C-alpha atoms as a PDB file:
ATOM      1  CA  UNK A   1       4.728   5.441   6.559  1.00  0.00           C
ATOM      2  CA  UNK A   2       1.529   3.834   5.510  1.00  0.00           C
ATOM      3  CA  UNK A   3       1.824   1.948   2.424  1.00  0.00           C
ATOM      4  CA  UNK A   4       0.090  -0.411   0.014  1.00  0.00           C
ATOM      5  CA  UNK A   5       0.495  -1.075  -3.801  1.00  0.00           C
ATOM      6  CA  UNK A   6       3.209  -0.110  -6.224  1.00  0.00           C
ATOM      7  CA  UNK A   7       3.350   3.640  -5.354  1.00  0.00           C
ATOM      8  CA  UNK A   8       3.833   3.361  -1.959  1.00  0.00           C
ATOM      9  CA  UNK A   9       6.535   0.934  -2.191  1.00  0.00           C
ATOM     10  CA  UNK A  10       8.432   3.038  -4.695  1.00  0.00           C
ATOM     11  CA  UNK A  11       8.130   6.016  -2.183  1.00  0.00           C
ATOM     12  CA  UNK A  12       9.048   3.729   0.604  1.00  0.00           C
ATOM     13  CA  UNK A  13      12.304   3.118  -1.369  1.00  0.00           C
ATOM     14  CA  UNK A  14      13.006   6.716  -1.915  1.00  0.00           C
ATOM     15  CA  UNK A  15      12.737   7.624   1.856  1.00  0.00           C
ATOM     16  CA  UNK A  16      14.784   4.819   2.937  1.00  0.00           C
ATOM     17  CA  UNK A  17      17.682   6.097   0.378  1.00  0.00           C
ATOM     18  CA  UNK A  18      17.950   9.191   2.496  1.00  0.00           C
ATOM     19  CA  UNK A  19      20.587   8.434   5.088  1.00  0.00           C
ATOM     20  CA  UNK A  20      19.249  10.456   8.050  1.00  0.00           C
ATOM     21  CA  UNK A  21      15.631   9.203   7.906  1.00  0.00           C
ATOM     22  CA  UNK A  22      14.634   6.263  10.386  1.00  0.00           C
ATOM     23  CA  UNK A  23      11.846   4.785   8.649  1.00  0.00           C
ATOM     24  CA  UNK A  24       9.039   2.199   9.540  1.00  0.00           C
ATOM     25  CA  UNK A  25       6.872   0.970   6.716  1.00  0.00           C
ATOM     26  CA  UNK A  26       3.113  -0.150   7.926  1.00  0.00           C
ATOM     27  CA  UNK A  27       1.819  -2.175   5.052  1.00  0.00           C
ATOM     28  CA  UNK A  28      -1.796  -3.095   4.224  1.00  0.00           C
ATOM     29  CA  UNK A  29      -2.913  -6.698   4.903  1.00  0.00           C
ATOM     30  CA  UNK A  30      -6.352  -6.118   3.410  1.00  0.00           C
ATOM     31  CA  UNK A  31      -5.310  -7.935   0.049  1.00  0.00           C
ATOM     32  CA  UNK A  32      -4.011 -11.033   1.783  1.00  0.00           C
ATOM     33  CA  UNK A  33      -5.253 -14.261   0.432  1.00  0.00           C
ATOM     34  CA  UNK A  34      -4.813 -18.148   0.525  1.00  0.00           C
ATOM     35  CA  UNK A  35      -3.654 -19.014  -3.138  1.00  0.00           C
ATOM     36  CA  UNK A  36      -3.084 -22.426  -4.021  1.00  0.00           C
ATOM     37  CA  UNK A  37      -2.780 -23.312  -0.502  1.00  0.00           C
ATOM     38  CA  UNK A  38      -0.205 -20.491   0.213  1.00  0.00           C
ATOM     39  CA  UNK A  39      -0.600 -17.496   2.571  1.00  0.00           C
ATOM     40  CA  UNK A  40       0.101 -14.507   0.085  1.00  0.00           C
ATOM     41  CA  UNK A  41       0.781 -11.153   1.369  1.00  0.00           C
ATOM     42  CA  UNK A  42       1.221  -8.935  -1.864  1.00  0.00           C
ATOM     43  CA  UNK A  43       1.647  -5.575  -0.367  1.00  0.00           C
ATOM     44  CA  UNK A  44       4.156  -6.446   2.163  1.00  0.00           C
ATOM     45  CA  UNK A  45       5.999  -8.586  -0.573  1.00  0.00           C
ATOM     46  CA  UNK A  46       5.762  -5.437  -3.047  1.00  0.00           C
ATOM     47  CA  UNK A  47       7.420  -3.213  -0.352  1.00  0.00           C
ATOM     48  CA  UNK A  48      10.090  -5.928   0.529  1.00  0.00           C
ATOM     49  CA  UNK A  49      11.089  -6.621  -3.181  1.00  0.00           C
ATOM     50  CA  UNK A  50      11.203  -3.069  -4.206  1.00  0.00           C
ATOM     51  CA  UNK A  51      13.165  -1.564  -1.111  1.00  0.00           C
ATOM     52  CA  UNK A  52      15.585  -4.322  -1.847  1.00  0.00           C
ATOM     53  CA  UNK A  53      15.815  -3.395  -5.652  1.00  0.00           C
ATOM     54  CA  UNK A  54      14.484  -6.682  -6.768  1.00  0.00           C
ATOM     55  CA  UNK A  55      10.865  -6.034  -7.803  1.00  0.00           C
ATOM     56  CA  UNK A  56       9.424  -7.216 -11.293  1.00  0.00           C
ATOM     57  CA  UNK A  57       8.858  -5.074 -14.452  1.00  0.00           C
ATOM     58  CA  UNK A  58       5.279  -4.600 -13.466  1.00  0.00           C
ATOM     59  CA  UNK A  59       5.953  -3.482  -9.774  1.00  0.00           C
ATOM     60  CA  UNK A  60       4.898  -6.787  -8.327  1.00  0.00           C
ATOM     61  CA  UNK A  61       6.904 -10.009  -8.018  1.00  0.00           C
ATOM     62  CA  UNK A  62      10.444 -10.533  -8.571  1.00  0.00           C
ATOM     63  CA  UNK A  63      12.490  -9.602 -11.471  1.00  0.00           C
ATOM     64  CA  UNK A  64      13.547 -12.212 -14.018  1.00  0.00           C
ATOM     65  CA  UNK A  65      11.613 -14.742 -11.970  1.00  0.00           C
ATOM     66  CA  UNK A  66      10.593 -17.873 -13.905  1.00  0.00           C
ATOM     67  CA  UNK A  67       6.997 -19.142 -13.953  1.00  0.00           C
ATOM     68  CA  UNK A  68       8.062 -23.092 -14.462  1.00  0.00           C
ATOM     69  CA  UNK A  69       5.384 -24.070 -11.713  1.00  0.00           C
ATOM     70  CA  UNK A  70       2.610 -21.931 -13.041  1.00  0.00           C
ATOM     71  CA  UNK A  71       3.386 -23.592 -16.681  1.00  0.00           C
ATOM     72  CA  UNK A  72       3.089 -26.969 -15.128  1.00  0.00           C
ATOM     73  CA  UNK A  73      -0.292 -25.852 -13.141  1.00  0.00           C
ATOM     74  CA  UNK A  74      -1.827 -24.542 -16.394  1.00  0.00           C
ATOM     75  CA  UNK A  75      -2.351 -28.016 -17.562  1.00  0.00           C
ATOM     76  CA  UNK A  76      -4.297 -28.852 -14.298  1.00  0.00           C
ATOM     77  CA  UNK A  77      -7.954 -28.204 -13.752  1.00  0.00           C
ATOM     78  CA  UNK A  78      -7.348 -25.025 -11.713  1.00  0.00           C
ATOM     79  CA  UNK A  79      -7.923 -21.339 -12.042  1.00  0.00           C
ATOM     80  CA  UNK A  80      -4.454 -19.995 -12.357  1.00  0.00           C
ATOM     81  CA  UNK A  81      -5.411 -16.316 -12.996  1.00  0.00           C
ATOM     82  CA  UNK A  82      -3.112 -15.317 -10.096  1.00  0.00           C
ATOM     83  CA  UNK A  83       0.313 -15.624 -11.464  1.00  0.00           C
ATOM     84  CA  UNK A  84       3.222 -16.307  -8.744  1.00  0.00           C
ATOM     85  CA  UNK A  85       6.867 -16.853 -10.088  1.00  0.00           C
ATOM     86  CA  UNK A  86       9.063 -19.615  -8.902  1.00  0.00           C
ATOM     87  CA  UNK A  87      11.189 -17.191  -6.381  1.00  0.00           C
ATOM     88  CA  UNK A  88       8.152 -15.693  -5.202  1.00  0.00           C
ATOM     89  CA  UNK A  89       6.562 -18.945  -4.353  1.00  0.00           C
ATOM     90  CA  UNK A  90       9.727 -19.603  -2.200  1.00  0.00           C
ATOM     91  CA  UNK A  91       8.564 -16.517  -0.278  1.00  0.00           C
ATOM     92  CA  UNK A  92       5.178 -17.616   0.125  1.00  0.00           C
ATOM     93  CA  UNK A  93       6.247 -21.058   1.080  1.00  0.00           C
ATOM     94  CA  UNK A  94       8.245 -19.595   3.934  1.00  0.00           C
ATOM     95  CA  UNK A  95       5.538 -17.562   5.054  1.00  0.00           C
ATOM     96  CA  UNK A  96       2.752 -20.629   5.097  1.00  0.00           C
ATOM     97  CA  UNK A  97       5.330 -22.630   6.687  1.00  0.00           C
ATOM     98  CA  UNK A  98       6.303 -20.253   9.571  1.00  0.00           C
ATOM     99  CA  UNK A  99       2.529 -19.072  10.140  1.00  0.00           C
ATOM    100  CA  UNK A 100       1.598 -22.738  10.450  1.00  0.00           C
ATOM    101  CA  UNK A 101       4.393 -23.085  12.788  1.00  0.00           C
ATOM    102  CA  UNK A 102       3.111 -20.736  15.238  1.00  0.00           C
ATOM    103  CA  UNK A 103       5.084 -17.243  13.949  1.00  0.00           C
ATOM    104  CA  UNK A 104       3.237 -13.912  13.705  1.00  0.00           C
ATOM    105  CA  UNK A 105       2.853 -12.315  10.498  1.00  0.00           C
ATOM    106  CA  UNK A 106       4.941  -9.747  11.993  1.00  0.00           C
ATOM    107  CA  UNK A 107       7.723 -12.126  12.772  1.00  0.00           C
ATOM    108  CA  UNK A 108       7.624 -13.574   9.118  1.00  0.00           C
ATOM    109  CA  UNK A 109       7.684 -10.019   7.910  1.00  0.00           C
ATOM    110  CA  UNK A 110      10.763  -9.087   9.705  1.00  0.00           C
ATOM    111  CA  UNK A 111      12.596 -12.444   8.922  1.00  0.00           C
ATOM    112  CA  UNK A 112      11.946 -11.671   4.972  1.00  0.00           C
ATOM    113  CA  UNK A 113      12.892  -8.035   5.061  1.00  0.00           C
ATOM    114  CA  UNK A 114      16.227  -9.026   6.801  1.00  0.00           C
ATOM    115  CA  UNK A 115      16.639 -11.786   4.332  1.00  0.00           C
ATOM    116  CA  UNK A 116      16.095  -9.272   1.496  1.00  0.00           C
ATOM    117  CA  UNK A 117      18.444  -6.716   2.947  1.00  0.00           C
ATOM    118  CA  UNK A 118      15.520  -4.229   3.750  1.00  0.00           C
ATOM    119  CA  UNK A 119      17.184  -0.996   4.974  1.00  0.00           C
ATOM    120  CA  UNK A 120      13.865  -0.057   7.189  1.00  0.00           C
ATOM    121  CA  UNK A 121      11.542  -1.578   9.386  1.00  0.00           C
ATOM    122  CA  UNK A 122       8.584  -3.208   7.651  1.00  0.00           C
ATOM    123  CA  UNK A 123       5.486  -4.139   9.635  1.00  0.00           C
ATOM    124  CA  UNK A 124       2.127  -5.615   8.608  1.00  0.00           C
ATOM    125  CA  UNK A 125      -0.735  -3.232  10.024  1.00  0.00           C
ATOM    126  CA  UNK A 126      -2.064  -6.360  11.937  1.00  0.00           C
ATOM    127  CA  UNK A 127      -1.490  -9.780  12.661  1.00  0.00           C
ATOM    128  CA  UNK A 128      -5.223 -10.360  12.919  1.00  0.00           C
ATOM    129  CA  UNK A 129      -7.641 -11.549  10.411  1.00  0.00           C
ATOM    130  CA  UNK A 130      -8.731  -8.339   8.175  1.00  0.00           C
ATOM    131  CA  UNK A 131      -9.865  -8.824   4.628  1.00  0.00           C
ATOM    132  CA  UNK A 132     -11.110  -6.103   2.294  1.00  0.00           C
ATOM    133  CA  UNK A 133     -14.195  -7.104   0.589  1.00  0.00           C
ATOM    134  CA  UNK A 134     -16.011  -4.945  -2.195  1.00  0.00           C
ATOM    135  CA  UNK A 135     -19.602  -4.663  -3.303  1.00  0.00           C
ATOM    136  CA  UNK A 136     -20.003  -4.590  -7.052  1.00  0.00           C
ATOM    137  CA  UNK A 137     -22.703  -3.296  -9.150  1.00  0.00           C
ATOM    138  CA  UNK A 138     -24.628  -6.677  -9.000  1.00  0.00           C
ATOM    139  CA  UNK A 139     -24.853  -6.457  -5.208  1.00  0.00           C
ATOM    140  CA  UNK A 140     -22.049  -9.319  -4.711  1.00  0.00           C
ATOM    141  CA  UNK A 141     -19.532  -8.908  -2.030  1.00  0.00           C
ATOM    142  CA  UNK A 142     -16.186 -10.161  -3.394  1.00  0.00           C
ATOM    143  CA  UNK A 143     -12.757 -10.408  -2.315  1.00  0.00           C
ATOM    144  CA  UNK A 144     -10.153  -7.903  -3.226  1.00  0.00           C
ATOM    145  CA  UNK A 145      -7.958 -10.682  -5.239  1.00  0.00           C
ATOM    146  CA  UNK A 146     -11.155 -11.609  -7.232  1.00  0.00           C
ATOM    147  CA  UNK A 147     -12.044  -7.818  -8.001  1.00  0.00           C
ATOM    148  CA  UNK A 148      -8.401  -6.748  -8.792  1.00  0.00           C
ATOM    149  CA  UNK A 149      -6.866  -9.889 -10.152  1.00  0.00           C
ATOM    150  CA  UNK A 150      -9.586 -12.191 -11.608  1.00  0.00           C
ATOM    151  CA  UNK A 151     -12.033  -9.353 -12.884  1.00  0.00           C
ATOM    152  CA  UNK A 152      -9.139  -6.972 -13.577  1.00  0.00           C
ATOM    153  CA  UNK A 153     -10.877  -4.181 -11.508  1.00  0.00           C
ATOM    154  CA  UNK A 154     -13.491  -3.858 -14.437  1.00  0.00           C
ATOM    155  CA  UNK A 155     -16.626  -3.912 -12.230  1.00  0.00           C
ATOM    156  CA  UNK A 156     -17.857  -0.612 -10.655  1.00  0.00           C
ATOM    157  CA  UNK A 157     -17.690  -0.699  -6.675  1.00  0.00           C
ATOM    158  CA  UNK A 158     -20.655   0.357  -4.704  1.00  0.00           C
ATOM    159  CA  UNK A 159     -19.083  -0.121  -1.241  1.00  0.00           C
ATOM    160  CA  UNK A 160     -16.327  -1.544   0.814  1.00  0.00           C
ATOM    161  CA  UNK A 161     -15.880  -3.084   4.084  1.00  0.00           C
ATOM    162  CA  UNK A 162     -13.049  -4.720   6.026  1.00  0.00           C
ATOM    163  CA  UNK A 163     -13.966  -8.039   7.412  1.00  0.00           C
ATOM    164  CA  UNK A 164     -12.407  -8.440  10.968  1.00  0.00           C
ATOM    165  CA  UNK A 165     -11.043  -4.893  11.458  1.00  0.00           C
ATOM    166  CA  UNK A 166     -13.267  -3.963  14.269  1.00  0.00           C
ATOM    167  CA  UNK A 167     -11.723  -6.949  16.384  1.00  0.00           C
ATOM    168  CA  UNK A 168      -8.122  -6.355  15.059  1.00  0.00           C
ATOM    169  CA  UNK A 169      -5.467  -5.055  17.030  1.00  0.00           C
ATOM    170  CA  UNK A 170      -2.216  -3.140  15.674  1.00  0.00           C
ATOM    171  CA  UNK A 171       0.995  -5.530  14.934  1.00  0.00           C
ATOM    172  CA  UNK A 172       3.607  -5.050  17.695  1.00  0.00           C
ATOM    173  CA  UNK A 173       5.553  -1.964  17.178  1.00  0.00           C
ATOM    174  CA  UNK A 174       3.149  -0.194  14.948  1.00  0.00           C
ATOM    175  CA  UNK A 175       1.495   2.201  17.299  1.00  0.00           C
ATOM    176  CA  UNK A 176       5.061   2.898  18.919  1.00  0.00           C
ATOM    177  CA  UNK A 177       6.293   4.005  15.440  1.00  0.00           C
ATOM    178  CA  UNK A 178       3.337   6.253  14.611  1.00  0.00           C
ATOM    179  CA  UNK A 179       3.607   7.875  18.044  1.00  0.00           C
ATOM    180  CA  UNK A 180       7.439   8.439  17.936  1.00  0.00           C
ATOM    181  CA  UNK A 181       7.490   9.576  14.529  1.00  0.00           C
ATOM    182  CA  UNK A 182       8.345  13.269  13.428  1.00  0.00           C
ATOM    183  CA  UNK A 183       5.421  12.811  10.958  1.00  0.00           C
ATOM    184  CA  UNK A 184       3.469  10.197   9.186  1.00  0.00           C
ATOM    185  CA  UNK A 185       3.574   9.675   5.564  1.00  0.00           C
ATOM    186  CA  UNK A 186       0.817   8.066   3.349  1.00  0.00           C
ATOM    187  CA  UNK A 187       2.226   6.930   0.019  1.00  0.00           C
ATOM    188  CA  UNK A 188       0.652   7.389  -3.301  1.00  0.00           C
ATOM    189  CA  UNK A 189      -1.555   4.501  -2.841  1.00  0.00           C
ATOM    190  CA  UNK A 190      -4.996   4.036  -3.533  1.00  0.00           C
ATOM    191  CA  UNK A 191      -6.757   5.655  -0.478  1.00  0.00           C
ATOM    192  CA  UNK A 192      -9.931   3.289  -0.506  1.00  0.00           C
ATOM    193  CA  UNK A 193      -8.099  -0.024  -1.348  1.00  0.00           C
ATOM    194  CA  UNK A 194      -4.698   0.414   0.224  1.00  0.00           C
ATOM    195  CA  UNK A 195      -4.734   2.968   2.869  1.00  0.00           C
ATOM    196  CA  UNK A 196      -8.327   2.396   4.654  1.00  0.00           C
ATOM    197  CA  UNK A 197      -7.830  -0.994   5.564  1.00  0.00           C
ATOM    198  CA  UNK A 198      -4.873   0.018   7.446  1.00  0.00           C
ATOM    199  CA  UNK A 199      -6.967   2.947   9.048  1.00  0.00           C
ATOM    200  CA  UNK A 200      -9.566   0.455   9.825  1.00  0.00           C
ATOM    201  CA  UNK A 201      -7.414  -1.081  12.578  1.00  0.00           C
ATOM    202  CA  UNK A 202      -9.277   0.813  15.365  1.00  0.00           C
ATOM    203  CA  UNK A 203      -6.237   1.895  17.355  1.00  0.00           C
ATOM    204  CA  UNK A 204      -4.211   2.847  14.216  1.00  0.00           C
ATOM    205  CA  UNK A 205      -7.106   5.219  13.044  1.00  0.00           C
ATOM    206  CA  UNK A 206      -6.924   6.764  16.238  1.00  0.00           C
ATOM    207  CA  UNK A 207      -3.188   6.922  16.682  1.00  0.00           C
ATOM    208  CA  UNK A 208      -2.930   8.645  13.137  1.00  0.00           C
ATOM    209  CA  UNK A 209      -5.845  11.083  13.948  1.00  0.00           C
ATOM    210  CA  UNK A 210      -3.745  12.345  16.841  1.00  0.00           C
ATOM    211  CA  UNK A 211      -0.527  13.030  14.857  1.00  0.00           C
ATOM    212  CA  UNK A 212       0.245  16.810  14.345  1.00  0.00           C
ATOM    213  CA  UNK A 213       1.785  15.937  10.741  1.00  0.00           C
ATOM    214  CA  UNK A 214       0.069  13.611   8.302  1.00  0.00           C
ATOM    215  CA  UNK A 215       1.309  14.026   4.827  1.00  0.00           C
ATOM    216  CA  UNK A 216      -0.036  12.239   1.862  1.00  0.00           C
ATOM    217  CA  UNK A 217       1.271  11.715  -1.817  1.00  0.00           C
ATOM    218  CA  UNK A 218      -1.856  11.927  -4.312  1.00  0.00           C
ATOM    219  CA  UNK A 219      -1.989   8.756  -6.212  1.00  0.00           C
ATOM    220  CA  UNK A 220      -3.449  10.733  -9.187  1.00  0.00           C
ATOM    221  CA  UNK A 221      -1.619  12.523 -11.879  1.00  0.00           C
ATOM    222  CA  UNK A 222      -3.703  14.773 -14.320  1.00  0.00           C
ATOM    223  CA  UNK A 223      -6.441  13.298 -12.337  1.00  0.00           C
ATOM    224  CA  UNK A 224      -6.208   9.759 -12.753  1.00  0.00           C
ATOM    225  CA  UNK A 225      -4.163   6.780 -11.473  1.00  0.00           C
ATOM    226  CA  UNK A 226      -1.053   5.847 -13.494  1.00  0.00           C
ATOM    227  CA  UNK A 227      -1.837   2.335 -12.608  1.00  0.00           C
ATOM    228  CA  UNK A 228      -5.176   0.647 -11.104  1.00  0.00           C
ATOM    229  CA  UNK A 229      -8.697   2.157 -10.490  1.00  0.00           C
ATOM    230  CA  UNK A 230      -8.054   4.928  -7.737  1.00  0.00           C
ATOM    231  CA  UNK A 231      -9.838   7.554  -9.818  1.00  0.00           C
ATOM    232  CA  UNK A 232     -12.566   5.321 -10.659  1.00  0.00           C
ATOM    233  CA  UNK A 233     -13.365   4.168  -7.101  1.00  0.00           C
ATOM    234  CA  UNK A 234     -13.097   7.555  -5.508  1.00  0.00           C
ATOM    235  CA  UNK A 235     -15.617   8.884  -7.989  1.00  0.00           C
ATOM    236  CA  UNK A 236     -18.165   5.641  -7.406  1.00  0.00           C
ATOM    237  CA  UNK A 237     -18.168   6.102  -3.954  1.00  0.00           C
ATOM    238  CA  UNK A 238     -18.879   9.720  -3.859  1.00  0.00           C
ATOM    239  CA  UNK A 239     -15.955  11.744  -3.465  1.00  0.00           C
ATOM    240  CA  UNK A 240     -15.759  13.309  -6.982  1.00  0.00           C
ATOM    241  CA  UNK A 241     -12.635  13.687  -8.934  1.00  0.00           C
ATOM    242  CA  UNK A 242      -9.326  14.952  -8.745  1.00  0.00           C
ATOM    243  CA  UNK A 243      -7.376  16.328  -5.741  1.00  0.00           C
ATOM    244  CA  UNK A 244     -10.558  17.061  -3.985  1.00  0.00           C
ATOM    245  CA  UNK A 245     -11.418  13.586  -4.132  1.00  0.00           C
ATOM    246  CA  UNK A 246      -8.151  12.410  -2.422  1.00  0.00           C
ATOM    247  CA  UNK A 247      -8.502  15.044   0.165  1.00  0.00           C
ATOM    248  CA  UNK A 248     -11.780  13.971   0.939  1.00  0.00           C
ATOM    249  CA  UNK A 249     -11.427  10.317   1.235  1.00  0.00           C
ATOM    250  CA  UNK A 250      -9.079  10.825   4.148  1.00  0.00           C
ATOM    251  CA  UNK A 251     -11.592  12.731   6.005  1.00  0.00           C
ATOM    252  CA  UNK A 252      -9.849  15.489   7.710  1.00  0.00           C
ATOM    253  CA  UNK A 253      -6.578  13.411   8.640  1.00  0.00           C
ATOM    254  CA  UNK A 254      -4.240  15.297   6.527  1.00  0.00           C
ATOM    255  CA  UNK A 255      -2.303  18.290   7.319  1.00  0.00           C
ATOM    256  CA  UNK A 256      -0.286  18.170   4.076  1.00  0.00           C
ATOM    257  CA  UNK A 257      -0.777  16.719   0.385  1.00  0.00           C
ATOM    258  CA  UNK A 258       1.597  16.284  -2.321  1.00  0.00           C
ATOM    259  CA  UNK A 259       0.365  16.699  -5.765  1.00  0.00           C
ATOM    260  CA  UNK A 260       2.082  16.553  -9.005  1.00  0.00           C
ATOM    261  CA  UNK A 261       2.802  19.487 -10.745  1.00  0.00           C
ATOM    262  CA  UNK A 262       0.191  18.689 -13.643  1.00  0.00           C
ATOM    263  CA  UNK A 263      -2.542  19.062 -11.045  1.00  0.00           C
ATOM    264  CA  UNK A 264      -1.678  22.491  -9.686  1.00  0.00           C
ATOM    265  CA  UNK A 265      -4.672  24.307 -11.248  1.00  0.00           C
ATOM    266  CA  UNK A 266      -7.002  21.210  -9.514  1.00  0.00           C
ATOM    267  CA  UNK A 267      -5.897  22.373  -6.072  1.00  0.00           C
ATOM    268  CA  UNK A 268      -6.587  26.237  -6.489  1.00  0.00           C
ATOM    269  CA  UNK A 269      -8.538  27.528  -3.477  1.00  0.00           C
ATOM    270  CA  UNK A 270      -7.330  24.590  -1.208  1.00  0.00           C
ATOM    271  CA  UNK A 271      -6.778  26.065   2.149  1.00  0.00           C
ATOM    272  CA  UNK A 272      -6.295  22.620   4.136  1.00  0.00           C
ATOM    273  CA  UNK A 273      -4.463  20.321   3.772  1.00  0.00           C
ATOM    274  CA  UNK A 274      -1.126  22.179   2.907  1.00  0.00           C
ATOM    275  CA  UNK A 275      -0.505  21.645  -0.901  1.00  0.00           C
ATOM    276  CA  UNK A 276       3.056  20.699  -2.069  1.00  0.00           C
ATOM    277  CA  UNK A 277       3.850  20.524  -5.460  1.00  0.00           C
ATOM    278  CA  UNK A 278       6.561  18.101  -7.132  1.00  0.00           C
ATOM    279  CA  UNK A 279       7.036  15.511  -9.760  1.00  0.00           C
ATOM    280  CA  UNK A 280       5.308  12.641  -8.279  1.00  0.00           C
ATOM    281  CA  UNK A 281       6.230  10.086 -11.017  1.00  0.00           C
ATOM    282  CA  UNK A 282       8.802   7.567  -9.820  1.00  0.00           C
ATOM    283  CA  UNK A 283      10.174   5.566 -12.754  1.00  0.00           C
ATOM    284  CA  UNK A 284      13.444   4.808 -10.858  1.00  0.00           C
ATOM    285  CA  UNK A 285      15.328   5.172  -7.496  1.00  0.00           C
ATOM    286  CA  UNK A 286      16.624   8.648  -8.496  1.00  0.00           C
ATOM    287  CA  UNK A 287      13.177   9.959  -8.914  1.00  0.00           C
ATOM    288  CA  UNK A 288      11.881   8.257  -5.785  1.00  0.00           C
ATOM    289  CA  UNK A 289      14.710   9.644  -3.899  1.00  0.00           C
ATOM    290  CA  UNK A 290      13.832  13.168  -4.951  1.00  0.00           C
ATOM    291  CA  UNK A 291      10.245  13.031  -4.082  1.00  0.00           C
ATOM    292  CA  UNK A 292      11.227  11.650  -0.749  1.00  0.00           C
ATOM    293  CA  UNK A 293      13.716  14.404  -0.339  1.00  0.00           C
ATOM    294  CA  UNK A 294      10.707  16.958  -0.966  1.00  0.00           C
ATOM    295  CA  UNK A 295       8.748  15.305   1.664  1.00  0.00           C
ATOM    296  CA  UNK A 296      11.623  15.299   4.201  1.00  0.00           C
ATOM    297  CA  UNK A 297      12.428  18.807   3.606  1.00  0.00           C
ATOM    298  CA  UNK A 298       9.056  19.936   4.069  1.00  0.00           C
ATOM    299  CA  UNK A 299       8.612  18.198   7.292  1.00  0.00           C
ATOM    300  CA  UNK A 300      12.176  19.565   8.698  1.00  0.00           C
ATOM    301  CA  UNK A 301      11.118  22.910   7.772  1.00  0.00           C
ATOM    302  CA  UNK A 302       7.575  22.803   9.241  1.00  0.00           C
ATOM    303  CA  UNK A 303       6.124  23.911   5.858  1.00  0.00           C
END
């Protein structure tokens, strides 16, 4: 599975709950950033926290995590827009310390997933430098965190690039997992912000293009994203709106697309990819597992 953001993490939890599924989650690292001196990997941590059942109420961070450190930092002359809970800080302290000690991001991620009891393999897309950068309406190129957290994704996006991607290599185990899988699933993540950075690693993009079964879950419900700017970015980059925009954003990679039942009419006449209809809302583990079972059943039947 390729994952980024809250939606991808929720589906990963559902897939992991199905006992006969051997799951590897390959996670976006384009959002990674140094914050307050700490090396933060938001999408990796969201996957780990969600799959361990400890995610915060907004889908990120840890549930019931106090913000004592942030409260103290608020009194200091520093921008504290990026909020990190105390126990979340411990995760990032561990990552920063281990990376400084020579560990790879893959080793750190594996250790964290084990410590949190995650019932799946979680891998970063790459251990190499890869940063998502967005061009906004005034022509400036800004980091993902500047766009998403500081500016609350209010800017119109004119372009996106992935600094370092051309020279990056897949993290150990990534290509092997893709090639050995019965199917590659793309979570209901923002295609541009969460999945394109993964596919920008050349060998990963090539491996996905060779798969005979690539099934994505649309991040749109009723034509819009439940959270985040996916529908606005797809439109701004010229992909249009609705289901056709999601399909177009993957450039022919998809063999299957799962859409929400509210978007059935929007998929009329679509020949490829094959369309599957389900309730794609995932407010809890039961709903995540039901959606995951729809996906697993479709793969198993070859539908």
